[in-house]
């Protein structure tokens, strides 16, 4: 999976912005809240994203995935290599992460998106 495809998919969503944090970490946000982070300075490229409670329990035990350092208490998963997940699955993951973060935003902000 190429980072440009991920980037295009994320930026098509209402209210999404991107930024660089912690050096070379491409971060996607909705309402200034992060929903996906990609470690561009890593080889291979790594990723972290928000998941549901059920998804967290399931994914953290899969090969190449773990509870994201510093973000695990918020139900974030870290992936060692973005290439291990097929493109269609990335779309699902990013859509879910976006929705989970968006639904926690204040109602007024949600409506403005």
Protein backbone atom coordinates (compact mmCIF):
# COMPACT_ATOMS: atom_id res chain seq x y z
CA UNK A 1 0.00 0.00 0.00
CA UNK A 2 1.42 3.33 -0.99
CA UNK A 3 1.20 6.27 1.35
CA UNK A 4 -0.20 8.49 -1.42
CA UNK A 5 -3.25 6.24 -1.77
CA UNK A 6 -3.79 6.40 2.00
CA UNK A 7 -3.33 10.17 1.94
CA UNK A 8 -5.84 10.65 -0.88
CA UNK A 9 -8.39 8.45 0.88
CA UNK A 10 -8.08 10.34 4.18
CA UNK A 11 -8.22 13.80 2.61
CA UNK A 12 -11.49 12.98 0.84
CA UNK A 13 -13.28 12.81 4.18
CA UNK A 14 -15.11 15.90 5.46
CA UNK A 15 -13.09 18.09 7.80
CA UNK A 16 -9.83 16.10 7.57
CA UNK A 17 -6.54 17.92 7.86
CA UNK A 18 -3.02 16.58 7.73
CA UNK A 19 0.15 17.58 9.47
CA UNK A 20 3.61 16.43 10.41
CA UNK A 21 4.21 15.63 14.08
CA UNK A 22 7.21 14.26 15.95
CA UNK A 23 9.54 14.74 13.00
CA UNK A 24 8.40 12.61 10.08
CA UNK A 25 5.03 11.30 11.25
CA UNK A 26 2.23 12.09 8.81
CA UNK A 27 -0.88 12.64 10.92
CA UNK A 28 -4.50 12.83 9.81
CA UNK A 29 -6.99 14.67 12.01
CA UNK A 30 -10.66 15.51 12.14
CA UNK A 31 -11.61 18.45 14.34
CA UNK A 32 -7.94 18.66 15.38
CA UNK A 33 -8.15 15.14 16.86
CA UNK A 34 -5.85 12.49 15.40
CA UNK A 35 -7.30 9.38 13.81
CA UNK A 36 -4.26 7.98 11.95
CA UNK A 37 -0.49 8.37 12.15
CA UNK A 38 2.11 7.11 9.66
CA UNK A 39 5.81 6.87 10.53
CA UNK A 40 7.39 8.01 7.28
CA UNK A 41 10.85 7.93 8.85
CA UNK A 42 10.52 4.19 9.46
CA UNK A 43 11.49 1.43 7.04
CA UNK A 44 9.07 -0.10 6.41
CA UNK A 45 6.51 2.64 7.03
CA UNK A 46 4.61 2.10 10.28
CA UNK A 47 1.10 3.19 11.23
CA UNK A 48 -1.12 3.73 14.25
CA UNK A 49 -4.87 4.23 14.24
CA UNK A 50 -7.93 4.33 16.51
CA UNK A 51 -10.10 1.21 16.70
CA UNK A 52 -13.22 0.07 18.53
CA UNK A 53 -12.95 -1.77 21.84
CA UNK A 54 -13.63 -5.08 20.06
CA UNK A 55 -11.15 -4.28 17.31
CA UNK A 56 -8.51 -3.43 19.89
CA UNK A 57 -8.87 -6.79 21.65
CA UNK A 58 -8.75 -8.66 18.35
CA UNK A 59 -6.02 -6.75 16.49
CA UNK A 60 -3.45 -6.32 19.26
CA UNK A 61 -2.75 -10.06 19.16
CA UNK A 62 -2.35 -10.37 15.38
CA UNK A 63 1.07 -10.81 13.85
CA UNK A 64 2.71 -7.46 13.04
CA UNK A 65 0.27 -5.52 15.21
CA UNK A 66 0.29 -4.42 18.82
CA UNK A 67 -1.23 -1.92 21.19
CA UNK A 68 0.18 1.46 20.15
CA UNK A 69 2.74 2.87 22.58
CA UNK A 70 1.41 5.92 24.48
CA UNK A 71 -2.02 5.56 22.81
CA UNK A 72 -3.12 2.06 23.86
CA UNK A 73 -5.31 3.39 26.66
CA UNK A 74 -7.32 5.18 23.95
CA UNK A 75 -7.65 1.94 21.92
CA UNK A 76 -5.04 2.59 19.24
CA UNK A 77 -3.25 -0.16 17.29
CA UNK A 78 0.27 0.05 15.84
CA UNK A 79 1.21 -1.77 12.63
CA UNK A 80 4.86 -2.64 11.88
CA UNK A 81 4.51 -2.36 8.09
CA UNK A 82 1.67 -0.71 6.19
CA UNK A 83 2.34 -3.15 3.34
CA UNK A 84 1.04 -6.08 5.38
CA UNK A 85 -2.54 -4.79 5.10
CA UNK A 86 -4.30 -4.84 1.69
CA UNK A 87 -5.64 -1.60 0.23
CA UNK A 88 -9.33 -2.47 0.70
CA UNK A 89 -8.71 -3.30 4.38
CA UNK A 90 -6.85 0.01 4.85
CA UNK A 91 -9.90 1.84 3.54
CA UNK A 92 -12.08 0.06 6.13
CA UNK A 93 -9.61 0.75 8.95
CA UNK A 94 -9.29 4.43 8.09
CA UNK A 95 -13.05 4.87 7.67
CA UNK A 96 -13.70 3.30 11.07
CA UNK A 97 -10.94 5.30 12.77
CA UNK A 98 -12.28 8.54 11.28
CA UNK A 99 -15.83 7.75 12.44
CA UNK A 100 -14.73 6.79 15.96
CA UNK A 101 -12.87 10.05 16.44
CA UNK A 102 -15.51 12.18 14.71
CA UNK A 103 -18.31 10.85 16.93
CA UNK A 104 -16.40 12.01 20.04
CA UNK A 105 -16.24 15.60 18.78
CA UNK A 106 -18.74 18.13 20.17
CA UNK A 107 -22.10 17.89 18.36
CA UNK A 108 -21.79 21.40 16.98
CA UNK A 109 -18.43 20.59 15.42
CA UNK A 110 -19.75 17.31 14.00
CA UNK A 111 -22.61 19.15 12.32
CA UNK A 112 -20.27 21.70 10.78
CA UNK A 113 -18.33 18.93 9.04
